[in-house]
Amino acid sequence: MKDDEQKFDRRMLEALVCPQIHATLSYDPERQELVSRAAHLAFPIRNGIPVMLIDEARKLD
């Protein structure tokens, strides 16, 4: 798979919300995560696909 096929499509941010509190998300390109600051969670992006499962999220400090 080409590198550019694995990049996250930022247009998805318009449709995605935090599954826990339904707040907006921000994109962290360095960590390849979608961040819900209000819920203090970061959701991983794997192979260009956001994993929006609370059990898979990283807790933020």
N, C-alpha and C. Protein backbone atom coordinates (compact mmCIF):
# COMPACT_ATOMS: atom_id res chain seq x y z
N MET A 1 0.85 -1.19 0.00
CA MET A 1 0.00 0.00 0.00
C MET A 1 0.88 1.24 0.00
N LYS A 2 0.55 2.19 -0.82
CA LYS A 2 1.32 3.43 -0.89
C LYS A 2 1.14 4.25 0.38
N ASP A 3 2.17 5.05 0.69
CA ASP A 3 2.13 5.90 1.88
C ASP A 3 0.96 6.87 1.84
N ASP A 4 0.66 7.45 0.66
CA ASP A 4 -0.41 8.44 0.59
C ASP A 4 -1.79 7.81 0.74
N GLU A 5 -1.91 6.49 0.58
CA GLU A 5 -3.19 5.82 0.77
C GLU A 5 -3.51 5.63 2.25
N GLN A 6 -2.50 5.78 3.10
CA GLN A 6 -2.69 5.55 4.52
C GLN A 6 -2.91 6.85 5.30
N LYS A 7 -2.86 7.98 4.63
CA LYS A 7 -3.04 9.25 5.32
C LYS A 7 -4.50 9.46 5.67
N PHE A 8 -4.72 10.13 6.78
CA PHE A 8 -6.07 10.44 7.25
C PHE A 8 -6.67 11.57 6.42
N ASP A 9 -7.90 11.38 5.99
CA ASP A 9 -8.62 12.40 5.24
C ASP A 9 -9.26 13.38 6.23
N ARG A 10 -8.73 14.59 6.29
CA ARG A 10 -9.19 15.58 7.27
C ARG A 10 -10.67 15.94 7.11
N ARG A 11 -11.23 15.69 5.95
CA ARG A 11 -12.66 15.96 5.76
C ARG A 11 -13.53 15.08 6.66
N MET A 12 -12.96 13.98 7.13
CA MET A 12 -13.70 13.09 8.03
C MET A 12 -14.00 13.78 9.36
N LEU A 13 -13.18 14.77 9.73
CA LEU A 13 -13.39 15.49 10.99
C LEU A 13 -14.77 16.14 11.05
N GLU A 14 -15.29 16.53 9.90
CA GLU A 14 -16.60 17.17 9.87
C GLU A 14 -17.70 16.21 10.29
N ALA A 15 -17.51 14.92 10.05
CA ALA A 15 -18.54 13.93 10.33
C ALA A 15 -18.32 13.20 11.66
N LEU A 16 -17.09 13.16 12.14
CA LEU A 16 -16.79 12.39 13.35
C LEU A 16 -16.89 13.24 14.61
N VAL A 17 -17.38 12.61 15.68
CA VAL A 17 -17.42 13.23 17.00
C VAL A 17 -16.94 12.20 18.01
N CYS A 18 -16.61 12.67 19.18
CA CYS A 18 -16.19 11.78 20.26
C CYS A 18 -17.32 10.81 20.60
N PRO A 19 -17.05 9.52 20.60
CA PRO A 19 -18.12 8.56 20.91
C PRO A 19 -18.59 8.60 22.36
N GLN A 20 -17.79 9.18 23.23
CA GLN A 20 -18.17 9.22 24.65
C GLN A 20 -19.06 10.42 24.96
N ILE A 21 -18.68 11.61 24.47
CA ILE A 21 -19.45 12.80 24.86
C ILE A 21 -19.98 13.59 23.65
N HIS A 22 -19.75 13.07 22.45
CA HIS A 22 -20.24 13.69 21.22
C HIS A 22 -19.69 15.10 20.98
N ALA A 23 -18.48 15.34 21.44
CA ALA A 23 -17.80 16.62 21.23
C ALA A 23 -16.98 16.56 19.95
N THR A 24 -16.57 17.73 19.47
CA THR A 24 -15.74 17.78 18.27
C THR A 24 -14.35 17.24 18.57
N LEU A 25 -13.68 16.84 17.51
CA LEU A 25 -12.34 16.26 17.61
C LEU A 25 -11.34 17.13 16.88
N SER A 26 -10.10 17.05 17.31
CA SER A 26 -9.02 17.70 16.57
C SER A 26 -8.05 16.62 16.10
N TYR A 27 -7.33 16.92 15.04
CA TYR A 27 -6.41 15.96 14.43
C TYR A 27 -4.99 16.26 14.85
N ASP A 28 -4.31 15.25 15.38
CA ASP A 28 -2.89 15.37 15.74
C ASP A 28 -2.09 14.55 14.72
N PRO A 29 -1.53 15.23 13.69
CA PRO A 29 -0.83 14.49 12.64
C PRO A 29 0.45 13.79 13.11
N GLU A 30 1.12 14.33 14.11
CA GLU A 30 2.35 13.71 14.60
C GLU A 30 2.08 12.36 15.23
N ARG A 31 1.03 12.29 16.03
CA ARG A 31 0.71 11.04 16.72
C ARG A 31 -0.31 10.19 15.98
N GLN A 32 -0.84 10.74 14.87
CA GLN A 32 -1.88 10.05 14.11
C GLN A 32 -3.03 9.67 15.05
N GLU A 33 -3.62 10.70 15.64
CA GLU A 33 -4.73 10.52 16.57
C GLU A 33 -5.79 11.59 16.34
N LEU A 34 -7.01 11.25 16.72
CA LEU A 34 -8.08 12.23 16.81
C LEU A 34 -8.28 12.49 18.30
N VAL A 35 -8.25 13.75 18.69
CA VAL A 35 -8.23 14.11 20.10
C VAL A 35 -9.54 14.76 20.51
N SER A 36 -10.10 14.24 21.61
CA SER A 36 -11.27 14.84 22.24
C SER A 36 -10.77 15.47 23.53
N ARG A 37 -10.51 16.77 23.47
CA ARG A 37 -9.98 17.46 24.66
C ARG A 37 -11.00 17.45 25.80
N ALA A 38 -12.27 17.58 25.47
CA ALA A 38 -13.31 17.61 26.50
C ALA A 38 -13.40 16.28 27.25
N ALA A 39 -13.19 15.17 26.56
CA ALA A 39 -13.26 13.84 27.19
C ALA A 39 -11.89 13.36 27.66
N HIS A 40 -10.83 14.12 27.32
CA HIS A 40 -9.46 13.75 27.68
C HIS A 40 -9.08 12.39 27.09
N LEU A 41 -9.46 12.18 25.81
CA LEU A 41 -9.16 10.94 25.12
C LEU A 41 -8.56 11.23 23.75
N ALA A 42 -7.70 10.32 23.29
CA ALA A 42 -7.12 10.40 21.95
C ALA A 42 -7.36 9.06 21.26
N PHE A 43 -7.98 9.11 20.11
CA PHE A 43 -8.33 7.91 19.36
C PHE A 43 -7.30 7.69 18.26
N PRO A 44 -6.76 6.47 18.16
CA PRO A 44 -5.71 6.21 17.17
C PRO A 44 -6.26 6.18 15.74
N ILE A 45 -5.39 6.49 14.80
CA ILE A 45 -5.70 6.35 13.38
C ILE A 45 -4.74 5.28 12.87
N ARG A 46 -5.30 4.19 12.37
CA ARG A 46 -4.49 3.08 11.88
C ARG A 46 -4.75 2.88 10.39
N ASN A 47 -3.70 2.92 9.61
CA ASN A 47 -3.82 2.77 8.16
C ASN A 47 -4.81 3.76 7.57
N GLY A 48 -4.84 4.97 8.12
CA GLY A 48 -5.72 6.02 7.62
C GLY A 48 -7.15 5.93 8.12
N ILE A 49 -7.44 4.96 8.98
CA ILE A 49 -8.81 4.76 9.48
C ILE A 49 -8.87 5.07 10.98
N PRO A 50 -9.72 6.02 11.39
CA PRO A 50 -9.86 6.31 12.82
C PRO A 50 -10.50 5.14 13.56
N VAL A 51 -9.92 4.78 14.69
CA VAL A 51 -10.48 3.72 15.54
C VAL A 51 -11.23 4.42 16.66
N MET A 52 -12.55 4.52 16.50
CA MET A 52 -13.37 5.31 17.42
C MET A 52 -13.98 4.47 18.53
N LEU A 53 -13.19 3.60 19.10
CA LEU A 53 -13.62 2.75 20.21
C LEU A 53 -13.03 3.30 21.50
N ILE A 54 -13.86 3.49 22.50
CA ILE A 54 -13.39 4.05 23.77
C ILE A 54 -12.32 3.16 24.38
N ASP A 55 -12.46 1.84 24.24
CA ASP A 55 -11.46 0.91 24.78
C ASP A 55 -10.10 1.05 24.11
N GLU A 56 -10.06 1.57 22.90
CA GLU A 56 -8.80 1.75 22.16
C GLU A 56 -8.19 3.12 22.37
N ALA A 57 -8.92 4.03 22.99
CA ALA A 57 -8.46 5.40 23.16
C ALA A 57 -7.38 5.50 24.24
N ARG A 58 -6.50 6.47 24.03
CA ARG A 58 -5.45 6.79 25.02
C ARG A 58 -5.97 7.92 25.89
N LYS A 59 -5.80 7.76 27.20
CA LYS A 59 -6.22 8.83 28.12
C LYS A 59 -5.20 9.94 28.11
N LEU A 60 -5.68 11.18 28.06
CA LEU A 60 -4.81 12.34 28.10
C LEU A 60 -4.65 12.83 29.52
N ASP A 61 -3.48 13.39 29.81
CA ASP A 61 -3.23 13.94 31.16
C ASP A 61 -4.02 15.21 31.39
